[in-house]
Amino acid sequence: MARYDNEIRITPSVLDRLIDEEPTISTEAPASRPKSMRQLKLAVRRDLEWLLNTRQIVGGVPSDLKETTNSLANFGLPDFTSYSIKSPAERNKVRRALETAISIFEPRLDDVTVSIDPMRETERVIKFRVDARLKVEPVPEPITFDTVLQLGSGQYLVQGD
């Protein structure tokens, strides 16, 4: 017998299963697919924000340790506080770093592309758009996150799906 789309459940990550948002309730009913999908998108958004707000080791990992490129030793983003964000070349370096970090460290997303919104002269933020495919069965779903880098604090705020 074929399973119907509304019967398919999305299994949350281990972290999300360990987080108890309602500790007073001892048992929880299984979430419907739409609710599971909403929870998954919120978890990806949260984890993406954590990734982007984590700074890599200053100076990086020695280049002769190639295995560390995709390891936790390189988790996060370089510190961009010394960059001249008015420069298109510097903004493009930030964009590429975001795209690379998300592609490596967010396994629930595929085909990640990051684009930069045009920057106004008076703005103290850089706005990025992250487009990707969320790896869910039976068909991956397109997902978009609007991301803002606050230049004063160096903090990233992720909003969207």
N, C-alpha and C. Protein backbone atom coordinates (compact mmCIF):
# COMPACT_ATOMS: atom_id res chain seq x y z
N MET A 1 0.84 -1.18 0.00
CA MET A 1 0.00 0.00 0.00
C MET A 1 0.89 1.25 0.00
N ALA A 2 0.58 2.20 -0.84
CA ALA A 2 1.39 3.41 -0.96
C ALA A 2 1.15 4.32 0.24
N ARG A 3 2.22 5.00 0.64
CA ARG A 3 2.09 5.97 1.73
C ARG A 3 1.66 7.30 1.14
N TYR A 4 0.74 7.95 1.78
CA TYR A 4 0.28 9.25 1.33
C TYR A 4 1.23 10.32 1.86
N ASP A 5 1.29 11.45 1.14
CA ASP A 5 2.21 12.52 1.49
C ASP A 5 2.02 12.98 2.93
N ASN A 6 0.76 13.03 3.39
CA ASN A 6 0.53 13.52 4.74
C ASN A 6 0.91 12.50 5.81
N GLU A 7 1.24 11.27 5.41
CA GLU A 7 1.68 10.25 6.36
C GLU A 7 3.19 10.28 6.56
N ILE A 8 3.91 10.89 5.64
CA ILE A 8 5.37 10.93 5.72
C ILE A 8 5.77 11.89 6.84
N ARG A 9 6.60 11.42 7.73
CA ARG A 9 7.06 12.23 8.84
C ARG A 9 8.52 12.62 8.61
N ILE A 10 8.88 13.77 9.13
CA ILE A 10 10.26 14.24 9.04
C ILE A 10 10.89 14.05 10.41
N THR A 11 11.98 13.31 10.45
CA THR A 11 12.66 13.06 11.72
C THR A 11 13.55 14.25 12.06
N PRO A 12 13.33 14.87 13.22
CA PRO A 12 14.17 16.00 13.63
C PRO A 12 15.59 15.54 13.93
N SER A 13 16.52 16.49 13.94
CA SER A 13 17.91 16.18 14.29
C SER A 13 17.99 15.73 15.75
N VAL A 14 19.10 15.14 16.12
CA VAL A 14 19.29 14.69 17.50
C VAL A 14 19.16 15.87 18.46
N LEU A 15 19.78 17.00 18.12
CA LEU A 15 19.70 18.18 18.98
C LEU A 15 18.25 18.60 19.17
N ASP A 16 17.48 18.64 18.08
CA ASP A 16 16.09 19.06 18.19
C ASP A 16 15.25 18.07 18.99
N ARG A 17 15.61 16.79 18.93
CA ARG A 17 14.89 15.80 19.74
C ARG A 17 15.25 15.92 21.21
N LEU A 18 16.45 16.39 21.52
CA LEU A 18 16.86 16.56 22.91
C LEU A 18 16.30 17.83 23.54
N ILE A 19 16.02 18.83 22.72
CA ILE A 19 15.47 20.08 23.23
C ILE A 19 13.99 19.86 23.52
N ASP A 20 13.59 20.09 24.76
CA ASP A 20 12.19 19.91 25.15
C ASP A 20 11.58 21.29 25.34
N GLU A 21 10.79 21.72 24.37
CA GLU A 21 10.18 23.04 24.43
C GLU A 21 9.00 23.09 25.39
N GLU A 22 8.45 21.93 25.73
CA GLU A 22 7.33 21.87 26.68
C GLU A 22 7.64 20.79 27.72
N PRO A 23 8.48 21.10 28.71
CA PRO A 23 8.90 20.08 29.68
C PRO A 23 7.77 19.56 30.57
N THR A 24 6.67 20.29 30.67
CA THR A 24 5.57 19.84 31.52
C THR A 24 4.75 18.73 30.88
N ILE A 25 4.89 18.54 29.58
CA ILE A 25 4.16 17.49 28.87
C ILE A 25 5.11 16.30 28.73
N SER A 26 4.70 15.15 29.29
CA SER A 26 5.61 13.99 29.30
C SER A 26 5.61 13.23 27.98
N THR A 27 4.54 13.27 27.23
CA THR A 27 4.51 12.62 25.92
C THR A 27 3.99 13.60 24.89
N GLU A 28 4.50 13.47 23.69
CA GLU A 28 4.09 14.37 22.63
C GLU A 28 3.56 13.56 21.46
N ALA A 29 2.48 14.05 20.88
CA ALA A 29 1.92 13.39 19.70
C ALA A 29 2.85 13.62 18.52
N PRO A 30 2.92 12.65 17.61
CA PRO A 30 3.75 12.86 16.42
C PRO A 30 3.24 14.07 15.63
N ALA A 31 4.17 14.84 15.13
CA ALA A 31 3.81 16.04 14.37
C ALA A 31 3.34 15.66 12.97
N SER A 32 2.40 16.43 12.45
CA SER A 32 1.96 16.23 11.07
C SER A 32 3.09 16.66 10.14
N ARG A 33 3.01 16.29 8.87
CA ARG A 33 4.06 16.68 7.93
C ARG A 33 4.20 18.20 7.83
N PRO A 34 3.10 18.96 7.70
CA PRO A 34 3.29 20.42 7.64
C PRO A 34 3.95 20.99 8.90
N LYS A 35 3.56 20.47 10.07
CA LYS A 35 4.17 20.95 11.31
C LYS A 35 5.64 20.52 11.37
N SER A 36 5.93 19.28 10.97
CA SER A 36 7.31 18.79 10.95
C SER A 36 8.16 19.63 10.01
N MET A 37 7.61 19.96 8.85
CA MET A 37 8.33 20.76 7.86
C MET A 37 8.61 22.16 8.41
N ARG A 38 7.64 22.75 9.07
CA ARG A 38 7.81 24.07 9.67
C ARG A 38 8.92 24.02 10.74
N GLN A 39 8.88 22.97 11.58
CA GLN A 39 9.89 22.82 12.62
C GLN A 39 11.28 22.60 12.02
N LEU A 40 11.36 21.83 10.94
CA LEU A 40 12.64 21.59 10.27
C LEU A 40 13.20 22.90 9.72
N LYS A 41 12.37 23.69 9.07
CA LYS A 41 12.82 24.97 8.51
C LYS A 41 13.31 25.91 9.61
N LEU A 42 12.59 25.94 10.74
CA LEU A 42 13.01 26.77 11.86
C LEU A 42 14.35 26.29 12.43
N ALA A 43 14.53 24.98 12.50
CA ALA A 43 15.79 24.42 13.00
C ALA A 43 16.95 24.74 12.06
N VAL A 44 16.72 24.64 10.76
CA VAL A 44 17.76 24.98 9.79
C VAL A 44 18.11 26.46 9.89
N ARG A 45 17.10 27.31 10.01
CA ARG A 45 17.34 28.76 10.14
C ARG A 45 18.16 29.04 11.40
N ARG A 46 17.79 28.42 12.52
CA ARG A 46 18.52 28.61 13.78
C ARG A 46 19.98 28.16 13.63
N ASP A 47 20.18 26.97 13.07
CA ASP A 47 21.53 26.42 12.92
C ASP A 47 22.37 27.23 11.94
N LEU A 48 21.72 27.76 10.91
CA LEU A 48 22.40 28.62 9.95
C LEU A 48 22.88 29.90 10.64
N GLU A 49 22.05 30.47 11.48
CA GLU A 49 22.43 31.67 12.21
C GLU A 49 23.59 31.37 13.16
N TRP A 50 23.57 30.22 13.81
CA TRP A 50 24.69 29.83 14.68
C TRP A 50 25.97 29.68 13.87
N LEU A 51 25.87 29.04 12.71
CA LEU A 51 27.04 28.85 11.85
C LEU A 51 27.64 30.19 11.44
N LEU A 52 26.80 31.11 10.98
CA LEU A 52 27.29 32.39 10.48
C LEU A 52 27.82 33.29 11.58
N ASN A 53 27.36 33.09 12.81
CA ASN A 53 27.83 33.90 13.93
C ASN A 53 28.99 33.26 14.69
N THR A 54 29.53 32.18 14.15
CA THR A 54 30.70 31.54 14.73
C THR A 54 31.92 31.94 13.91
N ARG A 55 32.99 32.34 14.60
CA ARG A 55 34.21 32.75 13.92
C ARG A 55 35.22 31.61 13.91
N GLN A 56 35.89 31.48 12.77
CA GLN A 56 36.94 30.47 12.63
C GLN A 56 38.16 30.87 13.45
N ILE A 57 39.05 29.91 13.64
CA ILE A 57 40.30 30.14 14.35
C ILE A 57 41.09 31.22 13.61
N VAL A 58 41.61 32.19 14.34
CA VAL A 58 42.42 33.25 13.73
C VAL A 58 43.67 32.62 13.13
N GLY A 59 43.94 32.94 11.90
CA GLY A 59 45.09 32.38 11.20
C GLY A 59 44.77 31.07 10.49
N GLY A 60 43.62 30.51 10.79
CA GLY A 60 43.20 29.29 10.12
C GLY A 60 43.98 28.06 10.55
N VAL A 61 43.66 26.97 9.91
CA VAL A 61 44.31 25.69 10.17
C VAL A 61 45.47 25.56 9.19
N PRO A 62 46.60 24.98 9.61
CA PRO A 62 47.74 24.83 8.69
C PRO A 62 47.33 24.18 7.37
N SER A 63 47.83 24.71 6.27
CA SER A 63 47.43 24.25 4.93
C SER A 63 47.85 22.81 4.65
N ASP A 64 48.85 22.30 5.36
CA ASP A 64 49.27 20.92 5.12
C ASP A 64 48.32 19.90 5.75
N LEU A 65 47.36 20.37 6.53
CA LEU A 65 46.35 19.49 7.13
C LEU A 65 45.06 19.58 6.31
N LYS A 66 45.09 19.05 5.11
CA LYS A 66 43.98 19.17 4.17
C LYS A 66 42.67 18.56 4.67
N GLU A 67 42.77 17.54 5.53
CA GLU A 67 41.57 16.88 6.04
C GLU A 67 40.72 17.81 6.90
N THR A 68 41.35 18.85 7.43
CA THR A 68 40.63 19.74 8.34
C THR A 68 39.75 20.75 7.61
N THR A 69 39.86 20.84 6.30
CA THR A 69 39.07 21.81 5.53
C THR A 69 37.58 21.67 5.82
N ASN A 70 37.10 20.44 5.88
CA ASN A 70 35.67 20.20 6.11
C ASN A 70 35.39 19.75 7.54
N SER A 71 36.30 20.01 8.46
CA SER A 71 36.12 19.56 9.84
C SER A 71 35.67 20.71 10.73
N LEU A 72 35.35 20.38 11.97
CA LEU A 72 34.94 21.40 12.93
C LEU A 72 36.04 22.42 13.20
N ALA A 73 37.28 22.09 12.89
CA ALA A 73 38.37 23.04 13.07
C ALA A 73 38.16 24.29 12.21
N ASN A 74 37.42 24.17 11.13
CA ASN A 74 37.14 25.30 10.24
C ASN A 74 35.69 25.74 10.30
N PHE A 75 34.94 25.31 11.31
CA PHE A 75 33.52 25.66 11.42
C PHE A 75 33.36 27.17 11.58
N GLY A 76 32.38 27.73 10.90
CA GLY A 76 32.09 29.16 11.02
C GLY A 76 32.64 29.95 9.86
N LEU A 77 32.78 31.25 10.09
CA LEU A 77 33.27 32.18 9.07
C LEU A 77 34.53 32.88 9.57
N PRO A 78 35.36 33.34 8.63
CA PRO A 78 36.49 34.17 9.05
C PRO A 78 35.97 35.48 9.65
N ASP A 79 36.81 36.18 10.37
CA ASP A 79 36.44 37.47 10.94
C ASP A 79 36.61 38.54 9.85
N PHE A 80 35.51 39.17 9.48
CA PHE A 80 35.53 40.16 8.40
C PHE A 80 35.59 41.60 8.90
N THR A 81 35.83 41.81 10.19
CA THR A 81 35.77 43.17 10.72
C THR A 81 36.80 44.11 10.11
N SER A 82 37.90 43.58 9.60
CA SER A 82 38.93 44.45 9.00
C SER A 82 38.69 44.71 7.51
N TYR A 83 37.66 44.09 6.95
CA TYR A 83 37.39 44.26 5.53
C TYR A 83 36.74 45.62 5.26
N SER A 84 37.03 46.17 4.09
CA SER A 84 36.35 47.38 3.62
C SER A 84 35.11 46.93 2.86
N ILE A 85 33.99 46.94 3.55
CA ILE A 85 32.76 46.38 2.99
C ILE A 85 32.22 47.25 1.85
N LYS A 86 32.70 48.46 1.71
CA LYS A 86 32.28 49.30 0.58
C LYS A 86 32.84 48.76 -0.73
N SER A 87 33.90 47.99 -0.66
CA SER A 87 34.53 47.44 -1.85
C SER A 87 33.75 46.23 -2.37
N PRO A 88 33.36 46.24 -3.66
CA PRO A 88 32.65 45.08 -4.22
C PRO A 88 33.46 43.79 -4.12
N ALA A 89 34.79 43.88 -4.26
CA ALA A 89 35.63 42.69 -4.16
C ALA A 89 35.59 42.10 -2.75
N GLU A 90 35.62 42.95 -1.74
CA GLU A 90 35.56 42.48 -0.34
C GLU A 90 34.19 41.87 -0.04
N ARG A 91 33.12 42.52 -0.52
CA ARG A 91 31.77 41.97 -0.31
C ARG A 91 31.65 40.61 -0.99
N ASN A 92 32.27 40.46 -2.15
CA ASN A 92 32.23 39.18 -2.85
C ASN A 92 32.99 38.09 -2.08
N LYS A 93 34.09 38.46 -1.40
CA LYS A 93 34.80 37.50 -0.56
C LYS A 93 33.89 37.01 0.57
N VAL A 94 33.14 37.93 1.16
CA VAL A 94 32.20 37.57 2.23
C VAL A 94 31.13 36.64 1.67
N ARG A 95 30.59 36.98 0.50
CA ARG A 95 29.55 36.16 -0.13
C ARG A 95 30.06 34.74 -0.39
N ARG A 96 31.26 34.63 -0.95
CA ARG A 96 31.83 33.31 -1.23
C ARG A 96 32.08 32.52 0.05
N ALA A 97 32.52 33.20 1.10
CA ALA A 97 32.76 32.53 2.39
C ALA A 97 31.45 31.99 2.97
N LEU A 98 30.38 32.77 2.86
CA LEU A 98 29.06 32.31 3.32
C LEU A 98 28.64 31.07 2.53
N GLU A 99 28.75 31.15 1.22
CA GLU A 99 28.33 30.05 0.36
C GLU A 99 29.12 28.77 0.67
N THR A 100 30.43 28.92 0.86
CA THR A 100 31.27 27.77 1.17
C THR A 100 30.93 27.17 2.53
N ALA A 101 30.82 28.02 3.55
CA ALA A 101 30.53 27.53 4.91
C ALA A 101 29.18 26.81 4.95
N ILE A 102 28.17 27.38 4.32
CA ILE A 102 26.85 26.75 4.32
C ILE A 102 26.89 25.43 3.57
N SER A 103 27.56 25.41 2.43
CA SER A 103 27.66 24.17 1.64
C SER A 103 28.36 23.06 2.41
N ILE A 104 29.38 23.41 3.17
CA ILE A 104 30.14 22.39 3.90
C ILE A 104 29.45 21.97 5.20
N PHE A 105 28.95 22.94 5.96
CA PHE A 105 28.52 22.65 7.32
C PHE A 105 27.01 22.57 7.53
N GLU A 106 26.21 22.74 6.51
CA GLU A 106 24.76 22.56 6.65
C GLU A 106 24.32 21.46 5.70
N PRO A 107 24.41 20.20 6.14
CA PRO A 107 24.13 19.07 5.25
C PRO A 107 22.67 18.93 4.83
N ARG A 108 21.77 19.64 5.48
CA ARG A 108 20.35 19.55 5.09
C ARG A 108 20.04 20.41 3.88
N LEU A 109 21.02 21.23 3.45
CA LEU A 109 20.82 22.10 2.29
C LEU A 109 21.70 21.64 1.14
N ASP A 110 21.16 21.79 -0.07
CA ASP A 110 21.87 21.41 -1.29
C ASP A 110 21.77 22.57 -2.28
N ASP A 111 22.66 22.62 -3.24
CA ASP A 111 22.64 23.67 -4.29
C ASP A 111 22.55 25.07 -3.69
N VAL A 112 23.42 25.37 -2.76
CA VAL A 112 23.41 26.65 -2.05
C VAL A 112 23.99 27.75 -2.94
N THR A 113 23.26 28.84 -3.07
CA THR A 113 23.78 30.04 -3.74
C THR A 113 23.49 31.24 -2.85
N VAL A 114 24.47 32.12 -2.75
CA VAL A 114 24.33 33.33 -1.94
C VAL A 114 24.49 34.52 -2.87
N SER A 115 23.55 35.44 -2.80
CA SER A 115 23.64 36.66 -3.60
C SER A 115 23.61 37.87 -2.66
N ILE A 116 24.22 38.96 -3.10
CA ILE A 116 24.28 40.18 -2.30
C ILE A 116 23.28 41.17 -2.85
N ASP A 117 22.46 41.73 -1.96
CA ASP A 117 21.56 42.80 -2.37
C ASP A 117 22.38 44.07 -2.55
N PRO A 118 21.98 44.94 -3.48
CA PRO A 118 22.72 46.20 -3.66
C PRO A 118 22.77 46.98 -2.34
N MET A 119 23.93 47.57 -2.07
CA MET A 119 24.14 48.29 -0.81
C MET A 119 23.96 49.78 -1.03
N ARG A 120 23.17 50.40 -0.16
CA ARG A 120 23.01 51.86 -0.22
C ARG A 120 24.16 52.51 0.54
N GLU A 121 24.52 53.69 0.13
CA GLU A 121 25.66 54.40 0.71
C GLU A 121 25.52 54.60 2.22
N THR A 122 24.31 54.85 2.70
CA THR A 122 24.10 55.16 4.12
C THR A 122 23.85 53.93 4.99
N GLU A 123 23.71 52.77 4.39
CA GLU A 123 23.39 51.57 5.17
C GLU A 123 24.60 51.07 5.95
N ARG A 124 24.32 50.55 7.13
CA ARG A 124 25.35 49.95 7.97
C ARG A 124 25.16 48.44 8.05
N VAL A 125 24.52 47.90 7.01
CA VAL A 125 24.30 46.46 6.94
C VAL A 125 24.57 45.98 5.51
N ILE A 126 24.88 44.69 5.39
CA ILE A 126 24.95 44.05 4.08
C ILE A 126 23.87 42.99 4.08
N LYS A 127 23.06 42.99 3.04
CA LYS A 127 21.96 42.03 2.94
C LYS A 127 22.32 40.96 1.92
N PHE A 128 22.15 39.72 2.34
CA PHE A 128 22.40 38.56 1.50
C PHE A 128 21.11 37.78 1.34
N ARG A 129 21.03 37.06 0.25
CA ARG A 129 19.92 36.14 0.03
C ARG A 129 20.53 34.75 -0.17
N VAL A 130 20.10 33.80 0.65
CA VAL A 130 20.58 32.43 0.57
C VAL A 130 19.48 31.59 -0.05
N ASP A 131 19.74 31.04 -1.23
CA ASP A 131 18.79 30.15 -1.90
C ASP A 131 19.39 28.75 -1.90
N ALA A 132 18.55 27.77 -1.61
CA ALA A 132 19.03 26.38 -1.57
C ALA A 132 17.85 25.44 -1.75
N ARG A 133 18.17 24.15 -1.73
CA ARG A 133 17.13 23.12 -1.72
C ARG A 133 17.25 22.38 -0.40
N LEU A 134 16.14 22.28 0.31
CA LEU A 134 16.08 21.55 1.57
C LEU A 134 15.93 20.08 1.25
N LYS A 135 16.86 19.27 1.75
CA LYS A 135 16.85 17.83 1.45
C LYS A 135 15.77 17.13 2.27
N VAL A 136 14.60 16.96 1.66
CA VAL A 136 13.50 16.21 2.27
C VAL A 136 12.96 15.24 1.24
N GLU A 137 12.38 14.17 1.72
CA GLU A 137 11.77 13.17 0.83
C GLU A 137 10.29 13.46 0.70
N PRO A 138 9.67 13.21 -0.39
CA PRO A 138 10.19 12.55 -1.58
C PRO A 138 10.88 13.50 -2.55
N VAL A 139 10.64 14.81 -2.42
CA VAL A 139 11.22 15.78 -3.36
C VAL A 139 11.83 16.93 -2.56
N PRO A 140 13.11 17.29 -2.83
CA PRO A 140 13.72 18.44 -2.15
C PRO A 140 12.88 19.69 -2.39
N GLU A 141 12.84 20.55 -1.38
CA GLU A 141 12.01 21.74 -1.44
C GLU A 141 12.88 23.00 -1.48
N PRO A 142 12.56 23.95 -2.38
CA PRO A 142 13.32 25.20 -2.42
C PRO A 142 13.12 25.97 -1.11
N ILE A 143 14.17 26.62 -0.67
CA ILE A 143 14.10 27.39 0.57
C ILE A 143 14.96 28.64 0.40
N THR A 144 14.53 29.74 1.01
CA THR A 144 15.24 31.01 0.90
C THR A 144 15.37 31.63 2.28
N PHE A 145 16.55 32.17 2.56
CA PHE A 145 16.78 32.88 3.80
C PHE A 145 17.32 34.27 3.47
N ASP A 146 16.73 35.28 4.06
CA ASP A 146 17.25 36.64 3.95
C ASP A 146 18.18 36.85 5.13
N THR A 147 19.41 37.20 4.85
CA THR A 147 20.44 37.28 5.87
C THR A 147 21.01 38.69 5.88
N VAL A 148 21.19 39.23 7.08
CA VAL A 148 21.71 40.58 7.23
C VAL A 148 22.97 40.53 8.09
N LEU A 149 24.05 41.14 7.61
CA LEU A 149 25.27 41.30 8.39
C LEU A 149 25.26 42.72 8.95
N GLN A 150 25.19 42.83 10.28
CA GLN A 150 25.25 44.14 10.95
C GLN A 150 26.72 44.55 11.00
N LEU A 151 27.07 45.60 10.29
CA LEU A 151 28.49 45.98 10.20
C LEU A 151 29.07 46.43 11.53
N GLY A 152 28.27 47.07 12.36
CA GLY A 152 28.77 47.54 13.65
C GLY A 152 29.13 46.42 14.60
N SER A 153 28.30 45.39 14.66
CA SER A 153 28.51 44.31 15.62
C SER A 153 29.14 43.06 15.00
N GLY A 154 29.07 42.95 13.68
CA GLY A 154 29.56 41.74 13.01
C GLY A 154 28.62 40.56 13.15
N GLN A 155 27.40 40.81 13.64
CA GLN A 155 26.41 39.75 13.85
C GLN A 155 25.58 39.53 12.59
N TYR A 156 25.24 38.27 12.35
CA TYR A 156 24.36 37.90 11.25
C TYR A 156 22.98 37.59 11.80
N LEU A 157 21.96 38.08 11.12
CA LEU A 157 20.58 37.78 11.45
C LEU A 157 19.99 37.06 10.26
N VAL A 158 19.43 35.87 10.49
CA VAL A 158 18.87 35.06 9.41
C VAL A 158 17.36 35.03 9.57
N GLN A 159 16.65 35.36 8.50
CA GLN A 159 15.19 35.31 8.49
C GLN A 159 14.74 34.57 7.24
N GLY A 160 13.52 34.11 7.26
CA GLY A 160 12.99 33.46 6.07
C GLY A 160 12.25 32.21 6.38
N ASP A 161 12.10 31.39 5.30
CA ASP A 161 11.29 30.18 5.37
C ASP A 161 11.41 29.56 6.72
